[in-house]
């Protein structure tokens, strides 16, 4: 049985008297590509915010590689090996592609707030940033301000920033939202390549992406996990089809 990278036990979240996440139990194996799907308002983004500590849990426990991370700050969880992207592209638009990636790499390599290091002379930082520029297919855009990239290129850059720190658990929130069919196809191939050997958890509305990329899928409805299983199991689950998929998976 595979070791567990991410585990949620009885996780609940309420805003005032309104429950949003209602006792989620979920175990994601190391190296697995796991998609979380569900209708609008099901609580998918809230669940991501709980895992990455943008919101505190109301009750329950979250484990990362077997360690309890419940109640830790977001930066502490990041240092323990979890990184995430957001629905809205989150980059430094005036910095170049390379500079965006270099910023992400610096902290992960232990430089922190060091005023006596000249950034340009840090060979390990340069090498890691250059490696990611090439991996995300933006070598020709290396010196271009990030704000001047196309939307699909900005999303690729954000994925690069997400993996730059070397986290082994990656959360991607709707990575192909707003993309054309060809852009989506390229993004899926990029995600597949850059998360090789890592644990990927993604929220995604495009069922073609979900069923083409995920090893396992969990369906969230009204803040609860309705079902978890392989794409084939989810596709054939009558309760899932009634609650969410309908004819989308046909």
C-alpha atoms as a PDB file:
ATOM      1  CA  UNK A   1       0.000   0.000   0.000  1.00  0.00           C
ATOM      2  CA  UNK A   2       1.375   3.404  -1.035  1.00  0.00           C
ATOM      3  CA  UNK A   3       2.411   5.932   1.587  1.00  0.00           C
ATOM      4  CA  UNK A   4       0.023   8.839   2.028  1.00  0.00           C
ATOM      5  CA  UNK A   5       1.132  12.310   0.943  1.00  0.00           C
ATOM      6  CA  UNK A   6      -1.961  14.203   2.052  1.00  0.00           C
ATOM      7  CA  UNK A   7      -4.645  13.104   4.504  1.00  0.00           C
ATOM      8  CA  UNK A   8      -7.763  14.874   5.750  1.00  0.00           C
ATOM      9  CA  UNK A   9      -9.636  13.505   8.744  1.00  0.00           C
ATOM     10  CA  UNK A  10     -13.083  14.899   9.566  1.00  0.00           C
ATOM     11  CA  UNK A  11     -12.202  18.353   8.237  1.00  0.00           C
ATOM     12  CA  UNK A  12     -14.959  20.918   8.729  1.00  0.00           C
ATOM     13  CA  UNK A  13     -15.230  24.618   7.976  1.00  0.00           C
ATOM     14  CA  UNK A  14     -18.046  27.004   8.839  1.00  0.00           C
ATOM     15  CA  UNK A  15     -18.321  30.733   8.260  1.00  0.00           C
ATOM     16  CA  UNK A  16     -20.484  31.914  11.119  1.00  0.00           C
ATOM     17  CA  UNK A  17     -23.400  29.499  11.248  1.00  0.00           C
ATOM     18  CA  UNK A  18     -22.987  28.475   7.623  1.00  0.00           C
ATOM     19  CA  UNK A  19     -21.205  25.122   7.121  1.00  0.00           C
ATOM     20  CA  UNK A  20     -19.153  24.956   3.912  1.00  0.00           C
ATOM     21  CA  UNK A  21     -17.037  21.823   4.446  1.00  0.00           C
ATOM     22  CA  UNK A  22     -18.904  19.090   6.295  1.00  0.00           C
ATOM     23  CA  UNK A  23     -16.504  16.452   7.594  1.00  0.00           C
ATOM     24  CA  UNK A  24     -14.216  15.621   4.672  1.00  0.00           C
ATOM     25  CA  UNK A  25     -12.143  12.434   4.905  1.00  0.00           C
ATOM     26  CA  UNK A  26      -9.609  12.045   2.120  1.00  0.00           C
ATOM     27  CA  UNK A  27      -6.320  10.177   1.627  1.00  0.00           C
ATOM     28  CA  UNK A  28      -4.071  10.890  -1.367  1.00  0.00           C
ATOM     29  CA  UNK A  29      -1.131   8.580  -2.032  1.00  0.00           C
ATOM     30  CA  UNK A  30       2.373   9.822  -2.790  1.00  0.00           C
ATOM     31  CA  UNK A  31       2.941  10.270  -6.501  1.00  0.00           C
ATOM     32  CA  UNK A  32      -0.790  10.246  -7.277  1.00  0.00           C
ATOM     33  CA  UNK A  33      -2.559  12.719  -9.558  1.00  0.00           C
ATOM     34  CA  UNK A  34      -5.832  13.408  -7.763  1.00  0.00           C
ATOM     35  CA  UNK A  35      -8.656  15.613  -9.079  1.00  0.00           C
ATOM     36  CA  UNK A  36     -11.353  17.177  -6.925  1.00  0.00           C
ATOM     37  CA  UNK A  37     -14.505  17.912  -8.894  1.00  0.00           C
ATOM     38  CA  UNK A  38     -18.018  19.029  -8.080  1.00  0.00           C
ATOM     39  CA  UNK A  39     -20.673  21.605  -8.926  1.00  0.00           C
ATOM     40  CA  UNK A  40     -20.220  25.319  -8.276  1.00  0.00           C
ATOM     41  CA  UNK A  41     -20.519  26.036  -4.561  1.00  0.00           C
ATOM     42  CA  UNK A  42     -19.506  22.524  -3.542  1.00  0.00           C
ATOM     43  CA  UNK A  43     -16.580  23.876  -1.480  1.00  0.00           C
ATOM     44  CA  UNK A  44     -13.652  22.889  -3.720  1.00  0.00           C
ATOM     45  CA  UNK A  45     -11.700  26.148  -3.436  1.00  0.00           C
ATOM     46  CA  UNK A  46     -12.509  26.370   0.277  1.00  0.00           C
ATOM     47  CA  UNK A  47     -11.029  22.905   0.720  1.00  0.00           C
ATOM     48  CA  UNK A  48      -7.848  24.035  -1.064  1.00  0.00           C
ATOM     49  CA  UNK A  49      -7.724  27.098   1.195  1.00  0.00           C
ATOM     50  CA  UNK A  50      -7.963  24.871   4.262  1.00  0.00           C
ATOM     51  CA  UNK A  51      -5.199  22.548   3.071  1.00  0.00           C
ATOM     52  CA  UNK A  52      -2.873  25.466   2.292  1.00  0.00           C
ATOM     53  CA  UNK A  53      -3.817  27.354   5.505  1.00  0.00           C
ATOM     54  CA  UNK A  54      -5.369  30.401   3.890  1.00  0.00           C
ATOM     55  CA  UNK A  55      -8.371  29.547   6.072  1.00  0.00           C
ATOM     56  CA  UNK A  56      -8.183  27.849   9.504  1.00  0.00           C
ATOM     57  CA  UNK A  57     -10.167  24.640   9.866  1.00  0.00           C
ATOM     58  CA  UNK A  58     -13.134  24.710  12.232  1.00  0.00           C
ATOM     59  CA  UNK A  59     -12.404  21.117  13.266  1.00  0.00           C
ATOM     60  CA  UNK A  60     -10.607  18.058  11.989  1.00  0.00           C
ATOM     61  CA  UNK A  61      -7.014  17.255  11.090  1.00  0.00           C
ATOM     62  CA  UNK A  62      -4.784  17.654   8.037  1.00  0.00           C
ATOM     63  CA  UNK A  63      -1.617  15.582   7.610  1.00  0.00           C
ATOM     64  CA  UNK A  64       1.182  16.234   5.109  1.00  0.00           C
ATOM     65  CA  UNK A  65       3.526  13.283   4.613  1.00  0.00           C
ATOM     66  CA  UNK A  66       2.349  11.948   7.952  1.00  0.00           C
ATOM     67  CA  UNK A  67       2.946  15.203   9.860  1.00  0.00           C
ATOM     68  CA  UNK A  68       0.069  17.125  11.420  1.00  0.00           C
ATOM     69  CA  UNK A  69      -0.051  20.553   9.757  1.00  0.00           C
ATOM     70  CA  UNK A  70      -3.404  21.618  11.223  1.00  0.00           C
ATOM     71  CA  UNK A  71      -3.125  25.177  12.501  1.00  0.00           C
ATOM     72  CA  UNK A  72       0.271  25.937  10.947  1.00  0.00           C
ATOM     73  CA  UNK A  73       0.831  29.148   8.979  1.00  0.00           C
ATOM     74  CA  UNK A  74       0.817  28.991   5.174  1.00  0.00           C
ATOM     75  CA  UNK A  75       4.559  29.645   4.920  1.00  0.00           C
ATOM     76  CA  UNK A  76       5.290  26.873   7.408  1.00  0.00           C
ATOM     77  CA  UNK A  77       3.274  24.403   5.353  1.00  0.00           C
ATOM     78  CA  UNK A  78       5.074  25.529   2.204  1.00  0.00           C
ATOM     79  CA  UNK A  79       8.437  24.847   3.848  1.00  0.00           C
ATOM     80  CA  UNK A  80       7.230  21.353   4.730  1.00  0.00           C
ATOM     81  CA  UNK A  81       6.699  20.577   1.046  1.00  0.00           C
ATOM     82  CA  UNK A  82       3.308  21.832  -0.166  1.00  0.00           C
ATOM     83  CA  UNK A  83       2.804  24.516  -2.794  1.00  0.00           C
ATOM     84  CA  UNK A  84      -0.301  25.771  -4.614  1.00  0.00           C
ATOM     85  CA  UNK A  85      -1.486  27.921  -7.494  1.00  0.00           C
ATOM     86  CA  UNK A  86      -4.653  30.012  -7.617  1.00  0.00           C
ATOM     87  CA  UNK A  87      -7.642  30.479  -9.930  1.00  0.00           C
ATOM     88  CA  UNK A  88      -6.505  34.040 -10.638  1.00  0.00           C
ATOM     89  CA  UNK A  89      -3.004  34.211 -12.082  1.00  0.00           C
ATOM     90  CA  UNK A  90      -0.601  35.312  -9.344  1.00  0.00           C
ATOM     91  CA  UNK A  91       2.670  36.647 -10.798  1.00  0.00           C
ATOM     92  CA  UNK A  92       4.864  39.779 -10.669  1.00  0.00           C
ATOM     93  CA  UNK A  93       3.828  41.437 -13.951  1.00  0.00           C
ATOM     94  CA  UNK A  94       6.721  43.941 -14.141  1.00  0.00           C
ATOM     95  CA  UNK A  95       9.421  41.350 -13.482  1.00  0.00           C
ATOM     96  CA  UNK A  96      10.708  39.167 -16.289  1.00  0.00           C
ATOM     97  CA  UNK A  97       9.841  35.494 -16.594  1.00  0.00           C
ATOM     98  CA  UNK A  98      13.293  34.603 -15.286  1.00  0.00           C
ATOM     99  CA  UNK A  99      13.072  37.067 -12.366  1.00  0.00           C
ATOM    100  CA  UNK A 100       9.681  35.654 -11.318  1.00  0.00           C
ATOM    101  CA  UNK A 101      11.156  32.172 -11.175  1.00  0.00           C
ATOM    102  CA  UNK A 102      14.332  33.346  -9.442  1.00  0.00           C
ATOM    103  CA  UNK A 103      12.235  34.910  -6.658  1.00  0.00           C
ATOM    104  CA  UNK A 104      10.479  31.592  -6.144  1.00  0.00           C
ATOM    105  CA  UNK A 105      13.753  29.656  -6.093  1.00  0.00           C
ATOM    106  CA  UNK A 106      15.637  31.913  -3.642  1.00  0.00           C
ATOM    107  CA  UNK A 107      13.662  31.009  -0.530  1.00  0.00           C
ATOM    108  CA  UNK A 108      13.624  27.294  -1.270  1.00  0.00           C
ATOM    109  CA  UNK A 109      17.412  27.194  -1.497  1.00  0.00           C
ATOM    110  CA  UNK A 110      17.801  28.749   1.931  1.00  0.00           C
ATOM    111  CA  UNK A 111      18.869  32.321   1.157  1.00  0.00           C
ATOM    112  CA  UNK A 112      15.989  33.900   3.091  1.00  0.00           C
ATOM    113  CA  UNK A 113      16.578  37.623   3.840  1.00  0.00           C
ATOM    114  CA  UNK A 114      20.293  37.785   3.124  1.00  0.00           C
ATOM    115  CA  UNK A 115      21.477  41.281   2.212  1.00  0.00           C
ATOM    116  CA  UNK A 116      25.101  40.304   1.622  1.00  0.00           C
ATOM    117  CA  UNK A 117      24.469  37.951  -1.300  1.00  0.00           C
ATOM    118  CA  UNK A 118      24.467  39.376  -4.823  1.00  0.00           C
ATOM    119  CA  UNK A 119      21.538  37.578  -6.458  1.00  0.00           C
ATOM    120  CA  UNK A 120      23.199  37.461  -9.869  1.00  0.00           C
ATOM    121  CA  UNK A 121      26.200  35.569  -8.464  1.00  0.00           C
ATOM    122  CA  UNK A 122      24.182  32.717  -6.937  1.00  0.00           C
ATOM    123  CA  UNK A 123      24.982  29.863  -9.308  1.00  0.00           C
ATOM    124  CA  UNK A 124      22.575  27.362  -7.748  1.00  0.00           C
ATOM    125  CA  UNK A 125      19.692  29.857  -8.014  1.00  0.00           C
ATOM    126  CA  UNK A 126      20.513  30.630 -11.647  1.00  0.00           C
ATOM    127  CA  UNK A 127      20.761  26.966 -12.549  1.00  0.00           C
ATOM    128  CA  UNK A 128      17.437  26.061 -10.911  1.00  0.00           C
ATOM    129  CA  UNK A 129      15.612  29.057 -12.441  1.00  0.00           C
ATOM    130  CA  UNK A 130      17.028  28.287 -15.891  1.00  0.00           C
ATOM    131  CA  UNK A 131      15.981  24.657 -15.542  1.00  0.00           C
ATOM    132  CA  UNK A 132      12.383  25.663 -14.803  1.00  0.00           C
ATOM    133  CA  UNK A 133      12.271  28.260 -17.599  1.00  0.00           C
ATOM    134  CA  UNK A 134      13.178  25.498 -20.014  1.00  0.00           C
ATOM    135  CA  UNK A 135      10.814  22.966 -18.413  1.00  0.00           C
ATOM    136  CA  UNK A 136       7.767  25.242 -18.775  1.00  0.00           C
ATOM    137  CA  UNK A 137       8.637  26.107 -22.377  1.00  0.00           C
ATOM    138  CA  UNK A 138       9.303  29.824 -21.876  1.00  0.00           C
ATOM    139  CA  UNK A 139      13.008  30.016 -22.746  1.00  0.00           C
ATOM    140  CA  UNK A 140      12.300  32.375 -25.642  1.00  0.00           C
ATOM    141  CA  UNK A 141      10.293  34.601 -23.305  1.00  0.00           C
ATOM    142  CA  UNK A 142      12.949  34.527 -20.597  1.00  0.00           C
ATOM    143  CA  UNK A 143      13.534  38.314 -20.462  1.00  0.00           C
ATOM    144  CA  UNK A 144       9.978  39.390 -21.265  1.00  0.00           C
ATOM    145  CA  UNK A 145       7.977  41.101 -18.483  1.00  0.00           C
ATOM    146  CA  UNK A 146       5.489  38.577 -17.188  1.00  0.00           C
ATOM    147  CA  UNK A 147       2.618  41.012 -17.696  1.00  0.00           C
ATOM    148  CA  UNK A 148       3.256  40.959 -21.444  1.00  0.00           C
ATOM    149  CA  UNK A 149       2.853  37.187 -21.785  1.00  0.00           C
ATOM    150  CA  UNK A 150      -0.285  35.627 -23.231  1.00  0.00           C
ATOM    151  CA  UNK A 151      -2.800  34.284 -20.727  1.00  0.00           C
ATOM    152  CA  UNK A 152      -1.743  30.671 -21.363  1.00  0.00           C
ATOM    153  CA  UNK A 153       1.928  31.628 -20.940  1.00  0.00           C
ATOM    154  CA  UNK A 154       1.150  33.388 -17.658  1.00  0.00           C
ATOM    155  CA  UNK A 155      -0.571  30.242 -16.397  1.00  0.00           C
ATOM    156  CA  UNK A 156       2.486  28.212 -17.422  1.00  0.00           C
ATOM    157  CA  UNK A 157       4.693  30.672 -15.551  1.00  0.00           C
ATOM    158  CA  UNK A 158       2.536  30.359 -12.446  1.00  0.00           C
ATOM    159  CA  UNK A 159       2.849  26.577 -12.606  1.00  0.00           C
ATOM    160  CA  UNK A 160       6.608  27.084 -12.864  1.00  0.00           C
ATOM    161  CA  UNK A 161       6.565  29.326  -9.788  1.00  0.00           C
ATOM    162  CA  UNK A 162       4.498  26.716  -7.935  1.00  0.00           C
ATOM    163  CA  UNK A 163       7.053  23.958  -8.564  1.00  0.00           C
ATOM    164  CA  UNK A 164      10.134  26.191  -8.230  1.00  0.00           C
ATOM    165  CA  UNK A 165      10.456  25.661  -4.502  1.00  0.00           C
ATOM    166  CA  UNK A 166      10.798  21.913  -4.940  1.00  0.00           C
ATOM    167  CA  UNK A 167       7.583  21.010  -3.060  1.00  0.00           C
ATOM    168  CA  UNK A 168       6.581  17.378  -3.435  1.00  0.00           C
ATOM    169  CA  UNK A 169       2.824  18.057  -3.054  1.00  0.00           C
ATOM    170  CA  UNK A 170       1.406  20.457  -5.646  1.00  0.00           C
ATOM    171  CA  UNK A 171      -2.091  21.967  -5.532  1.00  0.00           C
ATOM    172  CA  UNK A 172      -3.382  23.463  -8.788  1.00  0.00           C
ATOM    173  CA  UNK A 173      -6.645  25.402  -8.694  1.00  0.00           C
ATOM    174  CA  UNK A 174      -8.350  25.297 -12.117  1.00  0.00           C
ATOM    175  CA  UNK A 175      -5.073  25.356 -14.086  1.00  0.00           C
ATOM    176  CA  UNK A 176      -6.765  25.338 -17.533  1.00  0.00           C
ATOM    177  CA  UNK A 177      -9.598  27.804 -16.824  1.00  0.00           C
ATOM    178  CA  UNK A 178     -10.142  30.233 -19.695  1.00  0.00           C
ATOM    179  CA  UNK A 179      -7.930  28.375 -22.165  1.00  0.00           C
ATOM    180  CA  UNK A 180      -8.720  27.318 -25.709  1.00  0.00           C
ATOM    181  CA  UNK A 181      -8.703  23.633 -26.671  1.00  0.00           C
ATOM    182  CA  UNK A 182      -5.153  23.820 -28.014  1.00  0.00           C
ATOM    183  CA  UNK A 183      -3.929  25.774 -24.989  1.00  0.00           C
ATOM    184  CA  UNK A 184      -5.594  23.262 -22.683  1.00  0.00           C
ATOM    185  CA  UNK A 185      -3.916  20.376 -24.496  1.00  0.00           C
ATOM    186  CA  UNK A 186      -0.513  22.050 -24.084  1.00  0.00           C
ATOM    187  CA  UNK A 187      -1.220  22.851 -20.418  1.00  0.00           C
ATOM    188  CA  UNK A 188      -2.137  19.246 -19.652  1.00  0.00           C
ATOM    189  CA  UNK A 189       1.112  18.036 -21.193  1.00  0.00           C
ATOM    190  CA  UNK A 190       3.035  20.660 -19.202  1.00  0.00           C
ATOM    191  CA  UNK A 191       1.348  19.632 -15.938  1.00  0.00           C
ATOM    192  CA  UNK A 192       2.019  15.986 -16.665  1.00  0.00           C
ATOM    193  CA  UNK A 193       5.722  16.690 -17.250  1.00  0.00           C
ATOM    194  CA  UNK A 194       6.465  19.077 -14.380  1.00  0.00           C
ATOM    195  CA  UNK A 195       4.639  17.010 -11.750  1.00  0.00           C
ATOM    196  CA  UNK A 196       6.339  13.745 -12.676  1.00  0.00           C
ATOM    197  CA  UNK A 197       7.275  12.030  -9.418  1.00  0.00           C
ATOM    198  CA  UNK A 198       5.292  14.522  -7.339  1.00  0.00           C
ATOM    199  CA  UNK A 199       1.828  14.365  -5.784  1.00  0.00           C
ATOM    200  CA  UNK A 200      -0.660  16.489  -7.708  1.00  0.00           C
ATOM    201  CA  UNK A 201      -4.020  17.612  -6.342  1.00  0.00           C
ATOM    202  CA  UNK A 202      -6.117  19.729  -8.676  1.00  0.00           C
ATOM    203  CA  UNK A 203      -9.507  21.377  -8.838  1.00  0.00           C
ATOM    204  CA  UNK A 204     -10.690  21.402 -12.439  1.00  0.00           C
ATOM    205  CA  UNK A 205     -13.996  21.901 -14.255  1.00  0.00           C
ATOM    206  CA  UNK A 206     -12.900  20.571 -17.648  1.00  0.00           C
ATOM    207  CA  UNK A 207     -13.879  16.902 -17.549  1.00  0.00           C
ATOM    208  CA  UNK A 208     -11.599  16.113 -20.486  1.00  0.00           C
ATOM    209  CA  UNK A 209      -8.647  17.321 -18.425  1.00  0.00           C
ATOM    210  CA  UNK A 210      -9.833  15.503 -15.301  1.00  0.00           C
ATOM    211  CA  UNK A 211     -10.420  12.122 -16.925  1.00  0.00           C
ATOM    212  CA  UNK A 212      -7.295  12.405 -19.069  1.00  0.00           C
ATOM    213  CA  UNK A 213      -4.880  13.386 -16.298  1.00  0.00           C
ATOM    214  CA  UNK A 214      -6.095  12.112 -12.924  1.00  0.00           C
ATOM    215  CA  UNK A 215      -5.255   8.718 -11.426  1.00  0.00           C
ATOM    216  CA  UNK A 216      -8.075   9.135  -8.915  1.00  0.00           C
ATOM    217  CA  UNK A 217     -10.998  11.529  -8.572  1.00  0.00           C
ATOM    218  CA  UNK A 218     -12.993  12.734  -5.572  1.00  0.00           C
ATOM    219  CA  UNK A 219     -16.429  14.278  -6.044  1.00  0.00           C
ATOM    220  CA  UNK A 220     -17.363  17.026  -3.594  1.00  0.00           C
ATOM    221  CA  UNK A 221     -21.047  17.893  -3.208  1.00  0.00           C
ATOM    222  CA  UNK A 222     -22.422  20.225  -0.522  1.00  0.00           C
ATOM    223  CA  UNK A 223     -19.091  20.141   1.294  1.00  0.00           C
ATOM    224  CA  UNK A 224     -18.934  16.349   1.522  1.00  0.00           C
ATOM    225  CA  UNK A 225     -17.030  13.738  -0.486  1.00  0.00           C
ATOM    226  CA  UNK A 226     -19.747  11.881  -2.375  1.00  0.00           C
ATOM    227  CA  UNK A 227     -17.336   9.380  -3.944  1.00  0.00           C
ATOM    228  CA  UNK A 228     -13.644   8.707  -4.577  1.00  0.00           C
ATOM    229  CA  UNK A 229     -12.193   6.306  -7.099  1.00  0.00           C
ATOM    230  CA  UNK A 230     -10.487   5.782 -10.410  1.00  0.00           C
ATOM    231  CA  UNK A 231     -11.792   7.683 -13.443  1.00  0.00           C
ATOM    232  CA  UNK A 232     -13.605   4.528 -14.564  1.00  0.00           C
ATOM    233  CA  UNK A 233     -15.251   4.081 -11.159  1.00  0.00           C
ATOM    234  CA  UNK A 234     -16.333   7.716 -11.016  1.00  0.00           C
ATOM    235  CA  UNK A 235     -17.610   7.688 -14.590  1.00  0.00           C
ATOM    236  CA  UNK A 236     -19.795   4.679 -13.825  1.00  0.00           C
ATOM    237  CA  UNK A 237     -21.034   5.776 -10.403  1.00  0.00           C
ATOM    238  CA  UNK A 238     -24.814   6.399 -10.607  1.00  0.00           C
ATOM    239  CA  UNK A 239     -24.851   8.768  -7.627  1.00  0.00           C
ATOM    240  CA  UNK A 240     -22.076  10.872  -9.142  1.00  0.00           C
ATOM    241  CA  UNK A 241     -23.803  11.027 -12.516  1.00  0.00           C
ATOM    242  CA  UNK A 242     -27.051  12.108 -10.875  1.00  0.00           C
ATOM    243  CA  UNK A 243     -25.426  14.711  -8.635  1.00  0.00           C
ATOM    244  CA  UNK A 244     -22.873  16.192 -11.000  1.00  0.00           C
ATOM    245  CA  UNK A 245     -21.576  14.533 -14.159  1.00  0.00           C
ATOM    246  CA  UNK A 246     -24.827  13.956 -16.035  1.00  0.00           C
ATOM    247  CA  UNK A 247     -23.822  13.578 -19.653  1.00  0.00           C
ATOM    248  CA  UNK A 248     -20.543  15.489 -19.262  1.00  0.00           C
ATOM    249  CA  UNK A 249     -18.508  12.285 -18.991  1.00  0.00           C
ATOM    250  CA  UNK A 250     -20.174  10.636 -21.996  1.00  0.00           C
END
